[in-house]
Amino acid sequence: QKNITLTATYEKDKKAVLLQGQHVHKNAISYT
């Protein structure tokens, strides 16, 4: 949880939440 972060920003004009994470887990086969 400490090494893998997820950030989120609500953009009112786009009516969307923009989400971003980073592939840093060497054993990961997928992210959901």
All heavy atoms as atom14 arrays in JSON, in Angstrom:
{
  "sequence": "QKNITLTATYEKDKKAVLLQGQHVHKNAISYT",
  "atom14_mask": [
    [1, 1, 1, 1, 1, 1, 1, 1, 1, 0, 0, 0, 0, 0],
    [1, 1, 1, 1, 1, 1, 1, 1, 1, 0, 0, 0, 0, 0],
    [1, 1, 1, 1, 1, 1, 1, 1, 0, 0, 0, 0, 0, 0],
    [1, 1, 1, 1, 1, 1, 1, 1, 0, 0, 0, 0, 0, 0],
    [1, 1, 1, 1, 1, 1, 1, 0, 0, 0, 0, 0, 0, 0],
    [1, 1, 1, 1, 1, 1, 1, 1, 0, 0, 0, 0, 0, 0],
    [1, 1, 1, 1, 1, 1, 1, 0, 0, 0, 0, 0, 0, 0],
    [1, 1, 1, 1, 1, 0, 0, 0, 0, 0, 0, 0, 0, 0],
    [1, 1, 1, 1, 1, 1, 1, 0, 0, 0, 0, 0, 0, 0],
    [1, 1, 1, 1, 1, 1, 1, 1, 1, 1, 1, 1, 0, 0],
    [1, 1, 1, 1, 1, 1, 1, 1, 1, 0, 0, 0, 0, 0],
    [1, 1, 1, 1, 1, 1, 1, 1, 1, 0, 0, 0, 0, 0],
    [1, 1, 1, 1, 1, 1, 1, 1, 0, 0, 0, 0, 0, 0],
    [1, 1, 1, 1, 1, 1, 1, 1, 1, 0, 0, 0, 0, 0],
    [1, 1, 1, 1, 1, 1, 1, 1, 1, 0, 0, 0, 0, 0],
    [1, 1, 1, 1, 1, 0, 0, 0, 0, 0, 0, 0, 0, 0],
    [1, 1, 1, 1, 1, 1, 1, 0, 0, 0, 0, 0, 0, 0],
    [1, 1, 1, 1, 1, 1, 1, 1, 0, 0, 0, 0, 0, 0],
    [1, 1, 1, 1, 1, 1, 1, 1, 0, 0, 0, 0, 0, 0],
    [1, 1, 1, 1, 1, 1, 1, 1, 1, 0, 0, 0, 0, 0],
    [1, 1, 1, 1, 0, 0, 0, 0, 0, 0, 0, 0, 0, 0],
    [1, 1, 1, 1, 1, 1, 1, 1, 1, 0, 0, 0, 0, 0],
    [1, 1, 1, 1, 1, 1, 1, 1, 1, 1, 0, 0, 0, 0],
    [1, 1, 1, 1, 1, 1, 1, 0, 0, 0, 0, 0, 0, 0],
    [1, 1, 1, 1, 1, 1, 1, 1, 1, 1, 0, 0, 0, 0],
    [1, 1, 1, 1, 1, 1, 1, 1, 1, 0, 0, 0, 0, 0],
    [1, 1, 1, 1, 1, 1, 1, 1, 0, 0, 0, 0, 0, 0],
    [1, 1, 1, 1, 1, 0, 0, 0, 0, 0, 0, 0, 0, 0],
    [1, 1, 1, 1, 1, 1, 1, 1, 0, 0, 0, 0, 0, 0],
    [1, 1, 1, 1, 1, 1, 0, 0, 0, 0, 0, 0, 0, 0],
    [1, 1, 1, 1, 1, 1, 1, 1, 1, 1, 1, 1, 0, 0],
    [1, 1, 1, 1, 1, 1, 1, 0, 0, 0, 0, 0, 0, 0]
  ],
  "atom14_positions": [
    [[0.83, -1.2, 0.0], [0.0, 0.0, 0.0], [0.87, 1.25, 0.0], [0.51, 2.26, -0.58], [-0.91, -0.01, 1.23], [-2.0, -1.06, 1.15], [-2.94, -1.0, 2.32], [-2.59, -0.56, 3.4], [-4.16, -1.45, 2.12], [0.0, 0.0, 0.0], [0.0, 0.0, 0.0], [0.0, 0.0, 0.0], [0.0, 0.0, 0.0], [0.0, 0.0, 0.0]],
    [[2.02, 1.19, 0.66], [2.9, 2.36, 0.74], [3.58, 2.63, -0.6], [3.75, 3.76, -1.0], [3.94, 2.13, 1.83], [4.84, 3.33, 2.07], [5.77, 3.08, 3.21], [6.67, 4.28, 3.47], [7.59, 4.04, 4.59], [0.0, 0.0, 0.0], [0.0, 0.0, 0.0], [0.0, 0.0, 0.0], [0.0, 0.0, 0.0], [0.0, 0.0, 0.0]],
    [[3.97, 1.56, -1.31], [4.74, 1.72, -2.54], [3.87, 1.96, -3.76], [4.32, 2.53, -4.74], [5.62, 0.49, -2.77], [6.71, 0.37, -1.72], [7.18, 1.37, -1.2], [7.08, -0.85, -1.38], [0.0, 0.0, 0.0], [0.0, 0.0, 0.0], [0.0, 0.0, 0.0], [0.0, 0.0, 0.0], [0.0, 0.0, 0.0], [0.0, 0.0, 0.0]],
    [[2.64, 1.5, -3.75], [1.75, 1.66, -4.89], [0.73, 2.73, -4.55], [-0.08, 2.55, -3.65], [1.06, 0.33, -5.24], [2.11, -0.73, -5.56], [0.13, 0.52, -6.43], [1.55, -2.11, -5.67], [0.0, 0.0, 0.0], [0.0, 0.0, 0.0], [0.0, 0.0, 0.0], [0.0, 0.0, 0.0], [0.0, 0.0, 0.0], [0.0, 0.0, 0.0]],
    [[0.77, 3.82, -5.25], [-0.14, 4.92, -4.95], [-1.17, 5.09, -6.06], [-0.92, 4.75, -7.21], [0.62, 6.24, -4.77], [1.32, 6.54, -5.97], [1.59, 6.15, -3.61], [0.0, 0.0, 0.0], [0.0, 0.0, 0.0], [0.0, 0.0, 0.0], [0.0, 0.0, 0.0], [0.0, 0.0, 0.0], [0.0, 0.0, 0.0], [0.0, 0.0, 0.0]],
    [[-2.3, 5.62, -5.69], [-3.35, 5.96, -6.63], [-3.73, 7.41, -6.36], [-3.98, 7.78, -5.22], [-4.57, 5.05, -6.43], [-5.79, 5.34, -7.31], [-5.48, 5.02, -8.77], [-6.98, 4.52, -6.83], [0.0, 0.0, 0.0], [0.0, 0.0, 0.0], [0.0, 0.0, 0.0], [0.0, 0.0, 0.0], [0.0, 0.0, 0.0], [0.0, 0.0, 0.0]],
    [[-3.72, 8.24, -7.38], [-4.13, 9.63, -7.22], [-5.41, 9.87, -8.02], [-5.65, 9.22, -9.04], [-3.04, 10.62, -7.7], [-2.79, 10.39, -9.1], [-1.76, 10.42, -6.92], [0.0, 0.0, 0.0], [0.0, 0.0, 0.0], [0.0, 0.0, 0.0], [0.0, 0.0, 0.0], [0.0, 0.0, 0.0], [0.0, 0.0, 0.0], [0.0, 0.0, 0.0]],
    [[-6.22, 10.79, -7.53], [-7.49, 11.08, -8.18], [-7.77, 12.57, -8.12], [-7.53, 13.22, -7.11], [-8.62, 10.32, -7.48], [0.0, 0.0, 0.0], [0.0, 0.0, 0.0], [0.0, 0.0, 0.0], [0.0, 0.0, 0.0], [0.0, 0.0, 0.0], [0.0, 0.0, 0.0], [0.0, 0.0, 0.0], [0.0, 0.0, 0.0], [0.0, 0.0, 0.0]],
    [[-8.26, 13.11, -9.24], [-8.62, 14.52, -9.31], [-9.96, 14.64, -10.03], [-10.13, 14.08, -11.11], [-7.56, 15.32, -10.1], [-6.29, 15.12, -9.5], [-7.89, 16.79, -10.1], [0.0, 0.0, 0.0], [0.0, 0.0, 0.0], [0.0, 0.0, 0.0], [0.0, 0.0, 0.0], [0.0, 0.0, 0.0], [0.0, 0.0, 0.0], [0.0, 0.0, 0.0]],
    [[-10.9, 15.36, -9.41], [-12.18, 15.6, -10.04], [-12.09, 16.85, -10.91], [-11.71, 17.92, -10.43], [-13.28, 15.78, -9.0], [-14.62, 16.12, -9.61], [-15.26, 15.23, -10.46], [-15.25, 17.32, -9.33], [-16.49, 15.53, -11.02], [-16.48, 17.63, -9.87], [-17.1, 16.74, -10.73], [-18.31, 17.05, -11.29], [0.0, 0.0, 0.0], [0.0, 0.0, 0.0]],
    [[-12.4, 16.69, -12.19], [-12.41, 17.83, -13.12], [-13.86, 18.12, -13.48], [-14.48, 17.4, -14.28], [-11.55, 17.53, -14.34], [-10.08, 17.38, -14.0], [-9.16, 17.62, -15.19], [-9.68, 17.83, -16.31], [-7.93, 17.59, -14.98], [0.0, 0.0, 0.0], [0.0, 0.0, 0.0], [0.0, 0.0, 0.0], [0.0, 0.0, 0.0], [0.0, 0.0, 0.0]],
    [[-14.36, 19.2, -12.9], [-15.78, 19.54, -13.04], [-16.17, 19.8, -14.48], [-17.23, 19.37, -14.94], [-16.08, 20.75, -12.16], [-17.55, 21.08, -12.02], [-17.75, 22.22, -11.05], [-19.2, 22.56, -10.86], [-19.39, 23.68, -9.91], [0.0, 0.0, 0.0], [0.0, 0.0, 0.0], [0.0, 0.0, 0.0], [0.0, 0.0, 0.0], [0.0, 0.0, 0.0]],
    [[-15.29, 20.51, -15.22], [-15.62, 20.85, -16.6], [-15.7, 19.62, -17.5], [-16.48, 19.58, -18.44], [-14.61, 21.86, -17.18], [-13.18, 21.35, -17.11], [-12.89, 20.51, -16.23], [-12.35, 21.79, -17.92], [0.0, 0.0, 0.0], [0.0, 0.0, 0.0], [0.0, 0.0, 0.0], [0.0, 0.0, 0.0], [0.0, 0.0, 0.0], [0.0, 0.0, 0.0]],
    [[-14.92, 18.57, -17.18], [-14.96, 17.33, -17.97], [-15.95, 16.33, -17.41], [-16.18, 15.28, -18.0], [-13.57, 16.7, -18.01], [-12.54, 17.54, -18.75], [-11.19, 16.85, -18.77], [-10.15, 17.7, -19.5], [-8.82, 17.06, -19.5], [0.0, 0.0, 0.0], [0.0, 0.0, 0.0], [0.0, 0.0, 0.0], [0.0, 0.0, 0.0], [0.0, 0.0, 0.0]],
    [[-16.51, 16.62, -16.24], [-17.43, 15.73, -15.54], [-16.83, 14.34, -15.41], [-17.45, 13.32, -15.74], [-18.78, 15.67, -16.27], [-19.51, 17.0, -16.28], [-20.84, 16.91, -16.97], [-21.54, 18.26, -16.97], [-22.84, 18.23, -17.68], [0.0, 0.0, 0.0], [0.0, 0.0, 0.0], [0.0, 0.0, 0.0], [0.0, 0.0, 0.0], [0.0, 0.0, 0.0]],
    [[-15.58, 14.3, -14.93], [-14.86, 13.03, -14.82], [-13.88, 13.09, -13.66], [-13.39, 14.16, -13.29], [-14.12, 12.73, -16.11], [0.0, 0.0, 0.0], [0.0, 0.0, 0.0], [0.0, 0.0, 0.0], [0.0, 0.0, 0.0], [0.0, 0.0, 0.0], [0.0, 0.0, 0.0], [0.0, 0.0, 0.0], [0.0, 0.0, 0.0], [0.0, 0.0, 0.0]],
    [[-13.61, 11.93, -13.08], [-12.53, 11.79, -12.11], [-11.34, 11.18, -12.85], [-11.45, 10.11, -13.44], [-12.94, 10.87, -10.93], [-11.76, 10.68, -9.99], [-14.12, 11.47, -10.18], [0.0, 0.0, 0.0], [0.0, 0.0, 0.0], [0.0, 0.0, 0.0], [0.0, 0.0, 0.0], [0.0, 0.0, 0.0], [0.0, 0.0, 0.0], [0.0, 0.0, 0.0]],
    [[-10.23, 11.9, -12.85], [-9.02, 11.43, -13.52], [-8.17, 10.68, -12.5], [-7.78, 11.23, -11.47], [-8.24, 12.6, -14.11], [-9.02, 13.49, -15.09], [-8.13, 14.58, -15.64], [-9.63, 12.68, -16.21], [0.0, 0.0, 0.0], [0.0, 0.0, 0.0], [0.0, 0.0, 0.0], [0.0, 0.0, 0.0], [0.0, 0.0, 0.0], [0.0, 0.0, 0.0]],
    [[-7.89, 9.41, -12.8], [-7.17, 8.54, -11.88], [-5.85, 8.1, -12.49], [-5.76, 7.88, -13.7], [-8.02, 7.31, -11.56], [-9.34, 7.64, -10.87], [-10.48, 6.94, -11.55], [-9.29, 7.31, -9.4], [0.0, 0.0, 0.0], [0.0, 0.0, 0.0], [0.0, 0.0, 0.0], [0.0, 0.0, 0.0], [0.0, 0.0, 0.0], [0.0, 0.0, 0.0]],
    [[-4.84, 8.0, -11.63], [-3.52, 7.58, -12.12], [-2.8, 6.77, -11.05], [-2.73, 7.16, -9.89], [-2.67, 8.8, -12.5], [-1.31, 8.41, -13.05], [-0.57, 9.6, -13.62], [-1.07, 10.27, -14.52], [0.62, 9.87, -13.11], [0.0, 0.0, 0.0], [0.0, 0.0, 0.0], [0.0, 0.0, 0.0], [0.0, 0.0, 0.0], [0.0, 0.0, 0.0]],
    [[-2.29, 5.64, -11.48], [-1.44, 4.81, -10.63], [-0.15, 4.53, -11.38], [0.05, 5.02, -12.49], [0.0, 0.0, 0.0], [0.0, 0.0, 0.0], [0.0, 0.0, 0.0], [0.0, 0.0, 0.0], [0.0, 0.0, 0.0], [0.0, 0.0, 0.0], [0.0, 0.0, 0.0], [0.0, 0.0, 0.0], [0.0, 0.0, 0.0], [0.0, 0.0, 0.0]],
    [[0.71, 3.73, -10.8], [1.99, 3.44, -11.44], [2.31, 1.96, -11.27], [2.12, 1.4, -10.19], [3.1, 4.3, -10.85], [4.36, 4.33, -11.7], [5.37, 5.33, -11.15], [5.57, 5.43, -9.96], [6.01, 6.06, -12.04], [0.0, 0.0, 0.0], [0.0, 0.0, 0.0], [0.0, 0.0, 0.0], [0.0, 0.0, 0.0], [0.0, 0.0, 0.0]],
    [[2.79, 1.35, -12.35], [3.17, -0.07, -12.33], [4.54, -0.19, -11.66], [5.57, 0.02, -12.29], [3.21, -0.61, -13.76], [3.72, -2.02, -13.87], [3.43, -2.99, -12.94], [4.5, -2.61, -14.81], [4.02, -4.12, -13.3], [4.67, -3.9, -14.42], [0.0, 0.0, 0.0], [0.0, 0.0, 0.0], [0.0, 0.0, 0.0], [0.0, 0.0, 0.0]],
    [[4.53, -0.51, -10.36], [5.79, -0.63, -9.61], [5.92, -1.99, -8.93], [6.96, -2.3, -8.37], [5.92, 0.48, -8.54], [5.99, 1.85, -9.18], [4.76, 0.42, -7.54], [0.0, 0.0, 0.0], [0.0, 0.0, 0.0], [0.0, 0.0, 0.0], [0.0, 0.0, 0.0], [0.0, 0.0, 0.0], [0.0, 0.0, 0.0], [0.0, 0.0, 0.0]],
    [[4.86, -2.78, -8.96], [4.86, -4.07, -8.29], [5.39, -5.13, -9.26], [4.73, -5.5, -10.22], [3.44, -4.41, -7.83], [3.37, -5.43, -6.74], [3.9, -6.69, -6.86], [2.85, -5.36, -5.49], [3.68, -7.36, -5.75], [3.05, -6.57, -4.89], [0.0, 0.0, 0.0], [0.0, 0.0, 0.0], [0.0, 0.0, 0.0], [0.0, 0.0, 0.0]],
    [[6.58, -5.65, -9.01], [7.23, -6.57, -9.94], [6.47, -7.87, -10.14], [6.58, -8.52, -11.18], [8.65, -6.88, -9.46], [9.58, -5.68, -9.51], [10.96, -6.02, -9.01], [11.87, -4.79, -9.07], [13.22, -5.08, -8.55], [0.0, 0.0, 0.0], [0.0, 0.0, 0.0], [0.0, 0.0, 0.0], [0.0, 0.0, 0.0], [0.0, 0.0, 0.0]],
    [[5.68, -8.28, -9.14], [4.94, -9.53, -9.24], [3.52, -9.35, -9.79], [2.77, -10.31, -9.89], [4.84, -10.2, -7.85], [6.2, -10.64, -7.34], [7.07, -11.03, -8.11], [6.41, -10.54, -6.04], [0.0, 0.0, 0.0], [0.0, 0.0, 0.0], [0.0, 0.0, 0.0], [0.0, 0.0, 0.0], [0.0, 0.0, 0.0], [0.0, 0.0, 0.0]],
    [[3.15, -8.11, -10.14], [1.79, -7.86, -10.63], [1.61, -8.38, -12.04], [2.48, -8.21, -12.9], [1.49, -6.36, -10.59], [0.0, 0.0, 0.0], [0.0, 0.0, 0.0], [0.0, 0.0, 0.0], [0.0, 0.0, 0.0], [0.0, 0.0, 0.0], [0.0, 0.0, 0.0], [0.0, 0.0, 0.0], [0.0, 0.0, 0.0], [0.0, 0.0, 0.0]],
    [[0.47, -9.04, -12.27], [0.13, -9.45, -13.64], [-1.01, -8.58, -14.2], [-1.19, -8.5, -15.4], [-0.24, -10.95, -13.72], [-1.41, -11.28, -12.79], [0.98, -11.81, -13.39], [-1.9, -12.72, -12.92], [0.0, 0.0, 0.0], [0.0, 0.0, 0.0], [0.0, 0.0, 0.0], [0.0, 0.0, 0.0], [0.0, 0.0, 0.0], [0.0, 0.0, 0.0]],
    [[-1.74, -7.92, -13.29], [-2.76, -6.97, -13.73], [-3.14, -6.06, -12.56], [-2.91, -6.39, -11.4], [-4.01, -7.68, -14.25], [-4.68, -8.36, -13.2], [0.0, 0.0, 0.0], [0.0, 0.0, 0.0], [0.0, 0.0, 0.0], [0.0, 0.0, 0.0], [0.0, 0.0, 0.0], [0.0, 0.0, 0.0], [0.0, 0.0, 0.0], [0.0, 0.0, 0.0]],
    [[-3.7, -4.9, -12.91], [-4.22, -3.95, -11.93], [-5.7, -3.75, -12.23], [-6.09, -3.59, -13.39], [-3.51, -2.61, -12.02], [-2.06, -2.66, -11.62], [-1.06, -2.82, -12.57], [-1.67, -2.51, -10.28], [0.28, -2.85, -12.21], [-0.34, -2.55, -9.91], [0.63, -2.72, -10.88], [1.95, -2.76, -10.51], [0.0, 0.0, 0.0], [0.0, 0.0, 0.0]],
    [[-6.51, -3.75, -11.19], [-7.94, -3.51, -11.35], [-8.32, -2.27, -10.56], [-8.11, -2.21, -9.35], [-8.77, -4.71, -10.84], [-8.38, -5.89, -11.55], [-10.25, -4.46, -11.05], [0.0, 0.0, 0.0], [0.0, 0.0, 0.0], [0.0, 0.0, 0.0], [0.0, 0.0, 0.0], [0.0, 0.0, 0.0], [0.0, 0.0, 0.0], [0.0, 0.0, 0.0]]
  ]
}
